[in-house]
Amino acid sequence: MLSVKVRAAGQNTFDFDVTVSSPYDSATRYADGIHARSKQGTVYGERKLFHDHASEQPFTRDMYGIKVPAGVKSVVVEARDQKYGYGGKTVDVNLPGR
């Protein structure tokens, strides 16, 4: 995980642009998902990635329309690897307007 941009998209709704770099990105093993979650682990939104990005490193994908309950001021954005699941470097993101 490299970086995250977030913007408000409506009441309690946010759009994320997530930039990921994976040293393992190949047709047999690649980053296959991203999600936004609370520090306690509640997942607010997820995007599955269905192919490798070996020729596109780093790469940016969006997660739009993510509903986050009122009162939550920040989320953790995390990438998923096919072999190890979610983990590695995470990015804590403050939600605009909160």
C-alpha atoms as a PDB file:
ATOM      1  CA  MET A   1       0.000   0.000   0.000  1.00  0.00           C
ATOM      2  CA  LEU A   2       1.393   3.376  -0.943  1.00  0.00           C
ATOM      3  CA  SER A   3      -1.256   6.050  -0.610  1.00  0.00           C
ATOM      4  CA  VAL A   4      -4.958   6.842  -0.318  1.00  0.00           C
ATOM      5  CA  LYS A   5      -6.980   9.866  -1.404  1.00  0.00           C
ATOM      6  CA  VAL A   6     -10.466  10.263   0.052  1.00  0.00           C
ATOM      7  CA  ARG A   7     -13.308  12.678  -0.623  1.00  0.00           C
ATOM      8  CA  ALA A   8     -16.816  13.042   0.715  1.00  0.00           C
ATOM      9  CA  ALA A   9     -19.445  11.791  -1.744  1.00  0.00           C
ATOM     10  CA  GLY A  10     -22.611  12.435   0.258  1.00  0.00           C
ATOM     11  CA  GLN A  11     -23.954  12.021   3.749  1.00  0.00           C
ATOM     12  CA  ASN A  12     -21.781   9.390   5.461  1.00  0.00           C
ATOM     13  CA  THR A  13     -20.471   8.263   2.054  1.00  0.00           C
ATOM     14  CA  PHE A  14     -16.889   8.492   0.812  1.00  0.00           C
ATOM     15  CA  ASP A  15     -14.909   7.763  -2.342  1.00  0.00           C
ATOM     16  CA  PHE A  16     -11.379   6.382  -2.096  1.00  0.00           C
ATOM     17  CA  ASP A  17      -8.550   6.234  -4.650  1.00  0.00           C
ATOM     18  CA  VAL A  18      -6.068   3.643  -3.422  1.00  0.00           C
ATOM     19  CA  THR A  19      -2.541   3.251  -4.818  1.00  0.00           C
ATOM     20  CA  VAL A  20      -0.943  -0.157  -4.293  1.00  0.00           C
ATOM     21  CA  SER A  21       2.460  -1.583  -5.141  1.00  0.00           C
ATOM     22  CA  SER A  22       3.059  -5.313  -4.873  1.00  0.00           C
ATOM     23  CA  PRO A  23       6.460  -6.956  -5.392  1.00  0.00           C
ATOM     24  CA  TYR A  24       4.659 -10.263  -6.009  1.00  0.00           C
ATOM     25  CA  ASP A  25       2.386  -9.110  -8.818  1.00  0.00           C
ATOM     26  CA  SER A  26       2.303 -11.865 -11.446  1.00  0.00           C
ATOM     27  CA  ALA A  27      -0.343 -13.987 -13.121  1.00  0.00           C
ATOM     28  CA  THR A  28       0.074 -16.639 -10.398  1.00  0.00           C
ATOM     29  CA  ARG A  29       0.109 -14.336  -7.350  1.00  0.00           C
ATOM     30  CA  TYR A  30      -1.134 -10.787  -7.096  1.00  0.00           C
ATOM     31  CA  ALA A  31      -2.871  -8.167  -4.962  1.00  0.00           C
ATOM     32  CA  ASP A  32      -6.514  -9.231  -5.205  1.00  0.00           C
ATOM     33  CA  GLY A  33      -8.394  -6.778  -3.009  1.00  0.00           C
ATOM     34  CA  ILE A  34      -8.530  -3.551  -1.028  1.00  0.00           C
ATOM     35  CA  HIS A  35     -10.803  -2.526   1.810  1.00  0.00           C
ATOM     36  CA  ALA A  36     -11.596   0.285   4.236  1.00  0.00           C
ATOM     37  CA  ARG A  37     -12.162  -0.749   7.853  1.00  0.00           C
ATOM     38  CA  SER A  38     -12.341   0.586  11.380  1.00  0.00           C
ATOM     39  CA  LYS A  39      -9.331   0.271  13.678  1.00  0.00           C
ATOM     40  CA  GLN A  40     -11.308  -2.474  15.436  1.00  0.00           C
ATOM     41  CA  GLY A  41     -11.784  -4.447  12.194  1.00  0.00           C
ATOM     42  CA  THR A  42     -15.298  -3.571  10.976  1.00  0.00           C
ATOM     43  CA  VAL A  43     -15.138  -3.530   7.168  1.00  0.00           C
ATOM     44  CA  TYR A  44     -17.066  -0.636   5.584  1.00  0.00           C
ATOM     45  CA  GLY A  45     -16.296  -1.424   1.960  1.00  0.00           C
ATOM     46  CA  GLU A  46     -14.193  -3.689  -0.209  1.00  0.00           C
ATOM     47  CA  ARG A  47     -13.137  -3.985  -3.817  1.00  0.00           C
ATOM     48  CA  LYS A  48     -11.985  -7.285  -5.277  1.00  0.00           C
ATOM     49  CA  LEU A  49      -9.297  -7.234  -7.958  1.00  0.00           C
ATOM     50  CA  PHE A  50      -9.601 -10.000 -10.529  1.00  0.00           C
ATOM     51  CA  HIS A  51      -6.299  -9.921 -12.416  1.00  0.00           C
ATOM     52  CA  ASP A  52      -2.645  -9.150 -11.917  1.00  0.00           C
ATOM     53  CA  HIS A  53      -1.149  -5.698 -12.339  1.00  0.00           C
ATOM     54  CA  ALA A  54       2.382  -6.848 -13.169  1.00  0.00           C
ATOM     55  CA  SER A  55       2.805  -4.339 -16.000  1.00  0.00           C
ATOM     56  CA  GLU A  56       1.180  -1.518 -14.017  1.00  0.00           C
ATOM     57  CA  GLN A  57       3.194  -0.961 -10.843  1.00  0.00           C
ATOM     58  CA  PRO A  58       2.216   0.891  -8.774  1.00  0.00           C
ATOM     59  CA  PHE A  59      -1.488   0.918  -9.672  1.00  0.00           C
ATOM     60  CA  THR A  60      -4.496   2.915  -8.442  1.00  0.00           C
ATOM     61  CA  ARG A  61      -8.019   1.582  -8.045  1.00  0.00           C
ATOM     62  CA  ASP A  62     -11.121   3.209  -6.633  1.00  0.00           C
ATOM     63  CA  MET A  63     -13.650   2.249  -3.998  1.00  0.00           C
ATOM     64  CA  TYR A  64     -16.639   4.522  -4.447  1.00  0.00           C
ATOM     65  CA  GLY A  65     -19.785   4.930  -2.378  1.00  0.00           C
ATOM     66  CA  ILE A  66     -18.338   3.536   0.852  1.00  0.00           C
ATOM     67  CA  LYS A  67     -20.751   4.091   3.750  1.00  0.00           C
ATOM     68  CA  VAL A  68     -19.064   4.981   7.041  1.00  0.00           C
ATOM     69  CA  PRO A  69     -21.190   5.510  10.155  1.00  0.00           C
ATOM     70  CA  ALA A  70     -21.527   9.040  11.535  1.00  0.00           C
ATOM     71  CA  GLY A  71     -19.037   9.654  14.309  1.00  0.00           C
ATOM     72  CA  VAL A  72     -16.238   7.600  12.726  1.00  0.00           C
ATOM     73  CA  LYS A  73     -13.437  10.087  12.049  1.00  0.00           C
ATOM     74  CA  SER A  74     -10.895   7.844  10.321  1.00  0.00           C
ATOM     75  CA  VAL A  75     -10.539   4.472   8.619  1.00  0.00           C
ATOM     76  CA  VAL A  76      -7.726   2.048   7.874  1.00  0.00           C
ATOM     77  CA  VAL A  77      -7.205   1.145   4.211  1.00  0.00           C
ATOM     78  CA  GLU A  78      -5.489  -2.141   3.523  1.00  0.00           C
ATOM     79  CA  ALA A  79      -4.576  -4.309   0.526  1.00  0.00           C
ATOM     80  CA  ARG A  80      -4.939  -8.065   0.183  1.00  0.00           C
ATOM     81  CA  ASP A  81      -2.448 -10.533  -1.259  1.00  0.00           C
ATOM     82  CA  GLN A  82      -3.623 -13.883  -2.673  1.00  0.00           C
ATOM     83  CA  LYS A  83      -1.177 -15.858  -0.517  1.00  0.00           C
ATOM     84  CA  TYR A  84      -1.278 -14.029   2.828  1.00  0.00           C
ATOM     85  CA  GLY A  85      -4.618 -12.185   2.794  1.00  0.00           C
ATOM     86  CA  TYR A  86      -4.996  -8.696   4.234  1.00  0.00           C
ATOM     87  CA  GLY A  87      -1.948  -7.238   5.910  1.00  0.00           C
ATOM     88  CA  GLY A  88       1.302  -5.484   5.237  1.00  0.00           C
ATOM     89  CA  LYS A  89       1.456  -1.723   5.222  1.00  0.00           C
ATOM     90  CA  THR A  90      -1.828   0.031   6.004  1.00  0.00           C
ATOM     91  CA  VAL A  91      -2.803   3.677   5.615  1.00  0.00           C
ATOM     92  CA  ASP A  92      -4.824   5.519   8.264  1.00  0.00           C
ATOM     93  CA  VAL A  93      -7.098   8.043   6.558  1.00  0.00           C
ATOM     94  CA  ASN A  94      -8.910  10.949   8.198  1.00  0.00           C
ATOM     95  CA  LEU A  95     -12.363  11.385   6.697  1.00  0.00           C
ATOM     96  CA  PRO A  96     -13.013  14.893   5.354  1.00  0.00           C
ATOM     97  CA  GLY A  97     -15.612  16.910   7.250  1.00  0.00           C
ATOM     98  CA  ARG A  98     -15.334  14.809  10.408  1.00  0.00           C
END
